Each structure stands twice: as C-alpha cells, then as structure tokens.
Amino acid sequence: MRSEEAEGARRRYLYRRLVSRGALRVPLRGAIPLVGPDCAYHLYAGRDPAPAGRARRGRAAALLAALLLAAAPAGSPAAPAADRRADEPPDVDRHVAALRRRLPAAPAFTLRVAAPYVVVGDGPPDEVARLAEHVVARAAGEFRARFFARDPGTIVDVYLFKDRDSYYRHTAMLTGSPPESPLGFFSSHANALLMDVNAGEGALMHELVHPFVRSNWPRCPPWINEGLATLFEDCRDRGGRLEGAHNGRFLTLLRALDRGSALPFSSLAALSDAAFYNDPTGLHYAQSRYVFFHLQQRGALDAFCRRYAETSRDDPTGGAALADALKIEGPAEFDRAWRAAMLADPWAARLRAEGRLAPKP
C-alpha cells in the first residue's frame, strides 16, 4: 500500500473511532469523503445524544410548535381531512388533524393517507398524491402481503419536501435538528421519514422498508434490515409484483469477489450494527443486497421472509431461514452457489465488457 493510501486509511479509522465515541463531530458533508456516505450517515444517526442535547432539541421543537400554532390566523376555517380509505381507523383522522396543526400555514402542504403511512408534501398536490398512491401505498401493500405479518406499530409520517431548501428548513422545524443525511432519513424522535423528493423514488422505497422491519423483526441483524431495504431502492414492476433490479452496488460486490475480500455468509450475518455500518467501502450493504437479490432470482425471497418470521427467535442471524428457503445444507453450500451465481450474472459480463471491471480472472 502506498504511503498516502495508508495515511488515508489511518485517518478514516481514527475518525470513525472519534465519532463513535462522541469525541468529534464534523459536518456530514465533510464526513462523507472521509468514510463514505453509508458509514457517515450511520455513525451520525447511531450516536446517542447527551441528555442535555435531547432536552434542548425537545424544548426547541416544542417552542417551534407553539409559535406555529400561535401564527395560525384566528378563526381560520378547518383544513379538509386528508384523502383516506373508508375503512381507515378513526385515530388516523386525529393524527392527520394533529399534523395539520403542527405544519406551517405557508407553504401549503398536501396530506394523503397511505396506511400505515401519512404522506405530507409541499410540492404540487398531484405529484404528492401520485407518490402516495403509486409508491408509498403500493409498497406498503406489497410488503404487507408478501413479507410481514403486521404493519408498523404506529402511524409513520412520510415528509416529501420539494427541494433541498425546503428539506433542510422544515426538518429543522420538525425535529429541532438539521438533517442527518443530505437525501433523507428516518427520525425515531419524530417517528417520521423526512426526504428531499429529488433524492428519487428509490431512496423513498428503501426507507419505507425499515418501519416494517422494526415492527416485525426487532432483533434482526443489519444484513437483513439493510439487505431487504436496498433490494427495493432500485426496483421494477414485473407481473404485478415489485422486483429488485441491478444497481451500482453490484459493481462494488463484483470487485470484492474478484479480490477475494467478500465475507463468508456466516461472517456477514454475525456482524453487529457497529461493525456493519463502520464500513466506508459500502461492501456490507452491497453483499447484503445481493443475498436478497439471489433469493429473489431463485424464487425464494417470500419464503425466506416467512421462514425468518418463524425462526428469528431461535436464529436471529437468518442462517436457518436462508437454508430452508433455498433448500440447501448450510452456509458453505450457500457461499459456493451464491458466488458462482453473482460471477455468472449477465450484468457481470456487461460490466467487464465496458471496462468497469477487470477481465474475468
């Protein structure tokens, strides 16, 4: 390794240690080139703020809510209820009414119910309605029917802001803090997804998976949580079902397979949250996504999710569910079959032909 590469690796390691311990904080934009976007986001999002910091943010959010309520014109007519299905429980109406009281009067926000989500957007109303119906509601319905036994335990708000300025400004208003990611993130404090809509529908699809995972598989390891979410960050409709398609994570995976640096499945499945997210290369994300992609291509994705729900208490790593769904003996057999399938995928040949990947060794 050249000396400058070694120095870069040393600095990234020290940075991760300092941030993880709460000893250093630099702007997220400065962190991304040091440790990569996935690592930077989760190092920030995973930090537990000091109680005083939480209290300050809570007081700031409460003060802001009070100011917004005070600014509403006296005697103003009640806003119409958000569009919703006739069978939605009445607490949705109460939730929507509370949301309307919290939101500023200008710009106008459009609200649409797409259970278990409420979609809130300040873009063109037709576009907000389209995203609510064709992305959020579609995804929730399919996740519920195919993978999960129950909805998230509470209503989750999905804020879709029309541009970067709106995203940064309203995130600070709603959470008392600036955004944790330049594109979008889930705020456990607000129980909401907050996104710049220009991040794309893929980023939205990714984040929609996490509330279902938290509710149904609370003990699952990060490879399952992020693997399923990243599968749907690039997807298509195939025969009326959503199906993950190739994306840039495949190139990351293939380079690791060529170098021999991809993890055995048993090692990937055993990674803690800290170890999984402390990965500036993005390999852990890529490998997790393509385990789920392999399940999908073998027609075993739904079976894996159903089996994992049954076995997760005794085997939270998911190894038993993986073997059952694919009808294989265990991790060693999976590693051989998965590696062969990834290297033989037509997209691998295409990437090599384009010169984006070294010729096949």
Protein backbone atom coordinates (compact mmCIF):
# COMPACT_ATOMS: atom_id res chain seq x y z
CA MET A 1 0.00 0.00 0.00
CA ARG A 2 1.35 3.40 -0.94
CA SER A 3 2.10 5.75 1.94
CA GLU A 4 -0.71 8.17 1.01
CA GLU A 5 -3.21 5.29 0.92
CA ALA A 6 -2.01 4.09 4.31
CA GLU A 7 -2.34 7.61 5.72
CA GLY A 8 -5.87 7.88 4.31
CA ALA A 9 -6.86 4.56 5.86
CA ARG A 10 -5.36 5.60 9.20
CA ARG A 11 -7.29 8.88 9.18
CA ARG A 12 -10.57 7.17 8.33
CA TYR A 13 -10.05 4.68 11.15
CA LEU A 14 -9.28 7.43 13.67
CA TYR A 15 -12.25 9.48 12.51
CA ARG A 16 -14.65 6.56 12.94
CA ARG A 17 -13.32 5.88 16.42
CA LEU A 18 -13.61 9.51 17.49
CA VAL A 19 -17.15 9.94 16.15
CA SER A 20 -18.33 6.61 17.57
CA ARG A 21 -17.06 7.67 21.00
CA GLY A 22 -18.70 11.09 20.68
CA ALA A 23 -15.32 12.84 20.87
CA LEU A 24 -15.52 14.52 17.46
CA ARG A 25 -18.23 15.97 15.26
CA VAL A 26 -17.69 17.41 11.81
CA PRO A 27 -20.33 18.36 9.24
CA LEU A 28 -21.85 15.38 7.48
CA ARG A 29 -20.64 16.68 4.12
CA GLY A 30 -17.09 16.62 5.44
CA ALA A 31 -17.53 13.10 6.80
CA ILE A 32 -18.73 11.56 3.53
CA PRO A 33 -15.41 11.80 1.63
CA LEU A 34 -13.57 10.50 4.69
CA VAL A 35 -15.59 7.36 5.37
CA GLY A 36 -18.21 7.08 2.62
CA PRO A 37 -21.91 8.05 2.67
CA ASP A 38 -23.35 4.91 4.29
CA CYS A 39 -20.74 4.88 7.05
CA ALA A 40 -21.05 8.63 7.70
CA TYR A 41 -24.82 8.51 7.88
CA HIS A 42 -24.96 5.63 10.34
CA LEU A 43 -22.16 6.92 12.51
CA TYR A 44 -24.17 10.11 12.91
CA ALA A 45 -27.61 8.56 13.13
CA GLY A 46 -26.42 5.91 15.58
CA ARG A 47 -24.98 8.30 18.11
CA ASP A 48 -26.97 8.69 21.28
CA PRO A 49 -27.05 12.43 22.00
CA ALA A 50 -26.35 13.57 25.51
CA PRO A 51 -29.48 14.08 27.62
CA ALA A 52 -28.90 17.81 27.65
CA GLY A 53 -28.79 17.83 23.86
CA ARG A 54 -32.01 15.85 23.66
CA ALA A 55 -33.66 18.21 26.10
CA ARG A 56 -32.52 21.27 24.13
CA ARG A 57 -33.89 19.80 20.90
CA GLY A 58 -37.12 18.83 22.62
CA ARG A 59 -37.55 22.36 24.02
CA ALA A 60 -36.73 23.83 20.61
CA ALA A 61 -39.28 21.62 18.87
CA ALA A 62 -41.94 22.41 21.48
CA LEU A 63 -41.27 26.15 21.21
CA LEU A 64 -41.43 25.97 17.43
CA ALA A 65 -44.72 24.08 17.53
CA ALA A 66 -46.15 26.71 19.87
CA LEU A 67 -45.00 29.50 17.56
CA LEU A 68 -46.53 27.81 14.55
CA LEU A 69 -49.85 27.38 16.34
CA ALA A 70 -49.79 30.99 17.51
CA ALA A 71 -49.13 32.15 13.96
CA ALA A 72 -52.27 30.48 12.58
CA PRO A 73 -54.94 33.09 11.77
CA ALA A 74 -57.68 33.25 14.36
CA GLY A 75 -60.94 31.77 13.20
CA SER A 76 -59.40 30.26 10.11
CA PRO A 77 -61.52 27.52 8.59
CA ALA A 78 -60.60 23.92 9.35
CA ALA A 79 -58.48 22.24 6.70
CA PRO A 80 -60.18 19.38 4.86
CA ALA A 81 -59.29 15.89 6.01
CA ALA A 82 -56.61 14.09 4.06
CA ASP A 83 -57.86 11.64 1.47
CA ARG A 84 -58.13 8.19 3.05
CA ARG A 85 -59.79 4.84 2.61
CA ALA A 86 -63.23 4.46 4.15
CA ASP A 87 -62.03 1.59 6.35
CA GLU A 88 -59.17 3.52 7.99
CA PRO A 89 -59.42 3.58 11.81
CA PRO A 90 -60.60 6.88 13.34
CA ASP A 91 -57.24 7.55 15.03
CA VAL A 92 -55.89 8.33 11.56
CA ASP A 93 -58.20 11.35 11.42
CA ARG A 94 -56.93 12.51 14.82
CA HIS A 95 -53.36 12.02 13.68
CA VAL A 96 -53.95 13.99 10.48
CA ALA A 97 -55.64 16.80 12.42
CA ALA A 98 -52.65 16.99 14.76
CA LEU A 99 -50.31 17.09 11.77
CA ARG A 100 -52.20 19.98 10.22
CA ARG A 101 -51.93 21.94 13.45
CA ARG A 102 -48.14 21.43 13.50
CA LEU A 103 -47.47 22.33 9.88
CA PRO A 104 -46.86 25.97 8.90
CA ALA A 105 -49.64 27.73 7.03
CA ALA A 106 -47.29 28.56 4.16
CA PRO A 107 -46.30 26.88 2.01
CA ALA A 108 -49.38 24.73 1.67
CA PHE A 109 -48.88 21.04 2.45
CA THR A 110 -50.82 18.21 0.87
CA LEU A 111 -51.62 15.23 3.08
CA ARG A 112 -52.58 11.76 1.85
CA VAL A 113 -53.14 8.61 3.89
CA ALA A 114 -51.36 5.51 2.61
CA ALA A 115 -51.67 3.25 5.67
CA PRO A 116 -49.58 2.72 7.73
CA TYR A 117 -48.09 5.97 6.45
CA VAL A 118 -49.35 9.51 6.16
CA VAL A 119 -47.67 11.28 3.25
CA VAL A 120 -47.00 15.00 3.64
CA GLY A 121 -45.61 17.08 0.79
CA ASP A 122 -45.15 20.71 -0.16
CA GLY A 123 -44.73 20.04 -3.88
CA PRO A 124 -47.51 20.07 -6.50
CA PRO A 125 -50.58 18.34 -4.97
CA ASP A 126 -50.95 16.00 -7.95
CA GLU A 127 -47.36 14.82 -7.54
CA VAL A 128 -47.77 14.27 -3.79
CA ALA A 129 -50.94 12.27 -4.48
CA ARG A 130 -49.14 10.22 -7.14
CA LEU A 131 -46.26 9.37 -4.82
CA ALA A 132 -48.68 8.49 -2.02
CA GLU A 133 -50.75 6.16 -4.18
CA HIS A 134 -48.29 4.68 -6.65
CA VAL A 135 -45.17 4.48 -4.50
CA VAL A 136 -45.98 4.55 -0.78
CA ALA A 137 -49.35 2.75 -0.75
CA ARG A 138 -48.19 0.29 -3.41
CA ALA A 139 -45.05 -0.55 -1.45
CA ALA A 140 -46.87 -0.86 1.87
CA GLY A 141 -49.47 -3.17 0.37
CA GLU A 142 -46.88 -5.41 -1.21
CA PHE A 143 -44.62 -5.53 1.85
CA ARG A 144 -47.62 -6.44 3.97
CA ALA A 145 -48.86 -9.14 1.60
CA ARG A 146 -45.50 -10.76 0.89
CA PHE A 147 -43.12 -10.26 3.77
CA PHE A 148 -44.62 -9.01 7.02
CA ALA A 149 -47.40 -10.21 9.31
CA ARG A 150 -48.25 -6.78 10.67
CA ASP A 151 -47.97 -3.09 10.00
CA PRO A 152 -45.64 -0.82 11.98
CA GLY A 153 -47.00 -0.35 15.47
CA THR A 154 -47.75 3.35 14.97
CA ILE A 155 -48.62 5.65 12.10
CA VAL A 156 -45.43 6.80 10.35
CA ASP A 157 -45.31 10.21 8.68
CA VAL A 158 -43.54 10.48 5.32
CA TYR A 159 -42.43 14.07 4.63
CA LEU A 160 -41.56 14.64 0.98
CA PHE A 161 -40.04 18.10 0.60
CA LYS A 162 -39.96 19.67 -2.85
CA ASP A 163 -36.30 20.77 -2.83
CA ARG A 164 -33.15 20.94 -0.75
CA ASP A 165 -34.00 24.28 0.89
CA SER A 166 -37.43 23.03 1.97
CA TYR A 167 -35.94 19.77 3.24
CA TYR A 168 -33.32 21.45 5.41
CA ARG A 169 -35.63 24.20 6.68
CA HIS A 170 -38.61 22.02 7.57
CA THR A 171 -36.51 19.19 9.01
CA ALA A 172 -35.03 21.66 11.48
CA MET A 173 -38.53 22.88 12.32
CA LEU A 174 -39.99 19.41 12.83
CA THR A 175 -37.12 17.70 14.64
CA GLY A 176 -35.20 20.57 16.22
CA SER A 177 -32.03 19.47 14.37
CA PRO A 178 -30.61 19.69 10.85
CA PRO A 179 -30.99 16.60 8.61
CA GLU A 180 -28.84 13.59 9.43
CA SER A 181 -28.43 12.80 5.73
CA PRO A 182 -28.39 15.04 2.64
CA LEU A 183 -31.05 12.89 0.96
CA GLY A 184 -33.40 11.55 3.61
CA PHE A 185 -33.55 9.64 6.87
CA PHE A 186 -35.84 8.15 9.50
CA SER A 187 -36.22 10.17 12.69
CA SER A 188 -37.15 7.97 15.66
CA HIS A 189 -37.79 11.17 17.67
CA ALA A 190 -40.46 12.31 15.19
CA ASN A 191 -41.44 8.77 14.08
CA ALA A 192 -41.18 10.03 10.53
CA LEU A 193 -39.33 9.65 7.26
CA LEU A 194 -38.04 13.02 6.04
CA MET A 195 -36.78 13.29 2.47
CA ASP A 196 -35.80 15.64 -0.28
CA VAL A 197 -38.10 14.31 -3.01
CA ASN A 198 -35.34 14.90 -5.55
CA ALA A 199 -33.43 12.00 -3.96
CA GLY A 200 -35.69 9.82 -6.07
CA GLU A 201 -38.26 7.13 -5.57
CA GLY A 202 -35.55 4.54 -4.91
CA ALA A 203 -34.40 6.27 -1.75
CA LEU A 204 -38.02 6.52 -0.65
CA MET A 205 -38.63 2.81 -1.29
CA HIS A 206 -35.53 1.95 0.74
CA GLU A 207 -36.69 3.92 3.76
CA LEU A 208 -40.26 2.56 3.61
CA VAL A 209 -38.95 -0.93 4.40
CA HIS A 210 -37.37 -0.04 7.75
CA PRO A 211 -40.53 0.68 9.81
CA PHE A 212 -41.91 -2.73 8.80
CA VAL A 213 -38.66 -4.45 9.76
CA ARG A 214 -38.53 -2.70 13.14
CA SER A 215 -42.07 -3.78 13.94
CA ASN A 216 -41.90 -7.37 12.70
CA TRP A 217 -38.26 -8.40 13.21
CA PRO A 218 -36.94 -6.22 16.04
CA ARG A 219 -33.92 -8.46 16.69
CA CYS A 220 -32.83 -8.88 13.09
CA PRO A 221 -29.19 -8.18 12.21
CA PRO A 222 -28.28 -5.28 9.93
CA TRP A 223 -27.67 -7.51 6.90
CA ILE A 224 -31.38 -8.36 6.85
CA ASN A 225 -32.60 -4.85 7.66
CA GLU A 226 -30.43 -3.19 5.02
CA GLY A 227 -30.42 -6.07 2.54
CA LEU A 228 -34.18 -6.03 2.07
CA ALA A 229 -34.31 -2.22 2.04
CA THR A 230 -31.55 -1.88 -0.56
CA LEU A 231 -33.15 -4.54 -2.76
CA PHE A 232 -36.08 -2.18 -3.33
CA GLU A 233 -34.09 1.02 -3.79
CA ASP A 234 -33.93 0.05 -7.48
CA CYS A 235 -36.94 -1.99 -8.47
CA ARG A 236 -39.43 -2.55 -11.27
CA ASP A 237 -42.89 -3.97 -11.74
CA ARG A 238 -42.78 -7.49 -13.09
CA GLY A 239 -46.07 -9.30 -13.48
CA GLY A 240 -47.75 -7.09 -10.89
CA ARG A 241 -45.00 -7.58 -8.29
CA LEU A 242 -42.11 -5.38 -7.29
CA GLU A 243 -38.74 -6.86 -8.17
CA GLY A 244 -35.26 -5.59 -7.33
CA ALA A 245 -33.06 -4.70 -10.31
CA HIS A 246 -29.30 -4.30 -10.58
CA ASN A 247 -27.73 -1.08 -9.37
CA GLY A 248 -24.29 0.32 -8.60
CA ARG A 249 -23.87 -1.88 -5.54
CA PHE A 250 -23.33 -4.84 -7.90
CA LEU A 251 -20.06 -3.34 -9.12
CA THR A 252 -18.88 -2.93 -5.51
CA LEU A 253 -19.71 -6.58 -4.86
CA LEU A 254 -18.03 -7.93 -8.00
CA ARG A 255 -14.81 -6.07 -7.28
CA ALA A 256 -14.77 -7.60 -3.80
CA LEU A 257 -15.43 -11.07 -5.20
CA ASP A 258 -12.56 -10.62 -7.66
CA ARG A 259 -10.24 -9.52 -4.86
CA GLY A 260 -11.41 -12.26 -2.50
CA SER A 261 -12.50 -9.69 0.11
CA ALA A 262 -16.22 -10.55 0.21
CA LEU A 263 -17.26 -12.01 3.56
CA PRO A 264 -18.47 -15.58 4.01
CA PHE A 265 -22.20 -15.51 4.72
CA SER A 266 -21.72 -16.64 8.33
CA SER A 267 -19.41 -13.64 8.95
CA LEU A 268 -21.79 -11.18 7.27
CA ALA A 269 -24.73 -12.50 9.30
CA ALA A 270 -22.78 -12.18 12.56
CA LEU A 271 -21.84 -8.51 12.11
CA SER A 272 -23.05 -6.18 14.85
CA ASP A 273 -24.62 -2.86 13.97
CA ALA A 274 -21.36 -1.05 14.76
CA ALA A 275 -19.27 -3.39 12.61
CA PHE A 276 -21.76 -3.43 9.73
CA TYR A 277 -22.15 0.33 9.45
CA ASN A 278 -18.49 1.09 10.14
CA ASP A 279 -17.65 0.20 6.53
CA PRO A 280 -16.51 3.04 4.25
CA THR A 281 -16.35 0.74 1.20
CA GLY A 282 -20.10 0.01 1.08
CA LEU A 283 -19.36 -3.72 0.74
CA HIS A 284 -21.58 -4.77 3.63
CA TYR A 285 -24.54 -3.04 2.01
CA ALA A 286 -23.71 -4.47 -1.41
CA GLN A 287 -23.27 -8.01 -0.17
CA SER A 288 -26.47 -7.89 1.88
CA ARG A 289 -28.44 -6.57 -1.08
CA TYR A 290 -27.20 -9.31 -3.33
CA VAL A 291 -28.00 -12.08 -0.86
CA PHE A 292 -31.60 -10.86 -1.13
CA PHE A 293 -31.24 -10.47 -4.90
CA HIS A 294 -30.11 -14.11 -5.06
CA LEU A 295 -33.14 -15.17 -3.02
CA GLN A 296 -35.37 -13.22 -5.40
CA GLN A 297 -33.81 -14.72 -8.52
CA ARG A 298 -34.25 -18.22 -7.08
CA GLY A 299 -37.92 -17.56 -6.30
CA ALA A 300 -37.20 -17.90 -2.57
CA LEU A 301 -37.49 -14.33 -1.29
CA ASP A 302 -41.03 -14.58 0.07
CA ALA A 303 -40.31 -18.00 1.57
CA PHE A 304 -37.23 -16.64 3.34
CA CYS A 305 -39.20 -13.78 4.91
CA ARG A 306 -41.98 -16.09 6.09
CA ARG A 307 -39.49 -18.60 7.47
CA TYR A 308 -37.43 -15.91 9.17
CA ALA A 309 -40.53 -14.69 11.00
CA GLU A 310 -40.93 -18.23 12.37
CA THR A 311 -37.28 -18.90 13.27
CA SER A 312 -35.88 -15.48 14.20
CA ARG A 313 -36.28 -16.01 17.94
CA ASP A 314 -34.02 -19.09 17.88
CA ASP A 315 -31.81 -17.96 14.97
CA PRO A 316 -31.81 -14.16 14.66
CA THR A 317 -28.91 -14.24 12.16
CA GLY A 318 -31.19 -15.74 9.48
CA GLY A 319 -28.95 -18.64 8.54
CA ALA A 320 -31.58 -21.31 9.19
CA ALA A 321 -34.25 -19.42 7.24
CA LEU A 322 -31.84 -18.96 4.33
CA ALA A 323 -31.03 -22.68 4.20
CA ASP A 324 -34.71 -23.64 4.41
CA ALA A 325 -35.81 -21.18 1.73
CA LEU A 326 -33.10 -22.27 -0.72
CA LYS A 327 -33.26 -25.96 0.31
CA ILE A 328 -29.51 -26.17 0.95
CA GLU A 329 -27.43 -27.70 3.70
CA GLY A 330 -25.86 -24.60 5.19
CA PRO A 331 -23.58 -21.56 4.83
CA ALA A 332 -20.73 -23.27 2.97
CA GLU A 333 -23.06 -24.54 0.25
CA PHE A 334 -24.71 -21.13 0.05
CA ASP A 335 -21.35 -19.35 -0.33
CA ARG A 336 -20.35 -21.54 -3.27
CA ALA A 337 -23.69 -21.26 -5.09
CA TRP A 338 -24.08 -17.52 -4.43
CA ARG A 339 -20.57 -16.61 -5.57
CA ALA A 340 -20.98 -18.65 -8.76
CA ALA A 341 -24.35 -17.03 -9.49
CA MET A 342 -23.02 -13.50 -8.98
CA LEU A 343 -20.00 -14.02 -11.23
CA ALA A 344 -22.12 -15.70 -13.91
CA ASP A 345 -24.79 -12.99 -13.94
CA PRO A 346 -25.11 -11.36 -17.40
CA TRP A 347 -24.56 -7.94 -15.81
CA ALA A 348 -21.12 -9.06 -14.65
CA ALA A 349 -20.14 -9.83 -18.24
CA ARG A 350 -21.53 -6.48 -19.33
CA LEU A 351 -19.50 -4.58 -16.72
CA ARG A 352 -16.33 -6.39 -17.78
CA ALA A 353 -17.04 -5.66 -21.46
CA GLU A 354 -17.48 -1.95 -20.61
CA GLY A 355 -14.12 -1.90 -18.86
CA ARG A 356 -15.67 -1.02 -15.50
CA LEU A 357 -14.49 -4.32 -14.08
CA ALA A 358 -11.23 -6.16 -14.68
CA PRO A 359 -11.33 -9.07 -17.14
CA LYS A 360 -12.51 -12.29 -15.59
CA PRO A 361 -9.63 -13.81 -13.60
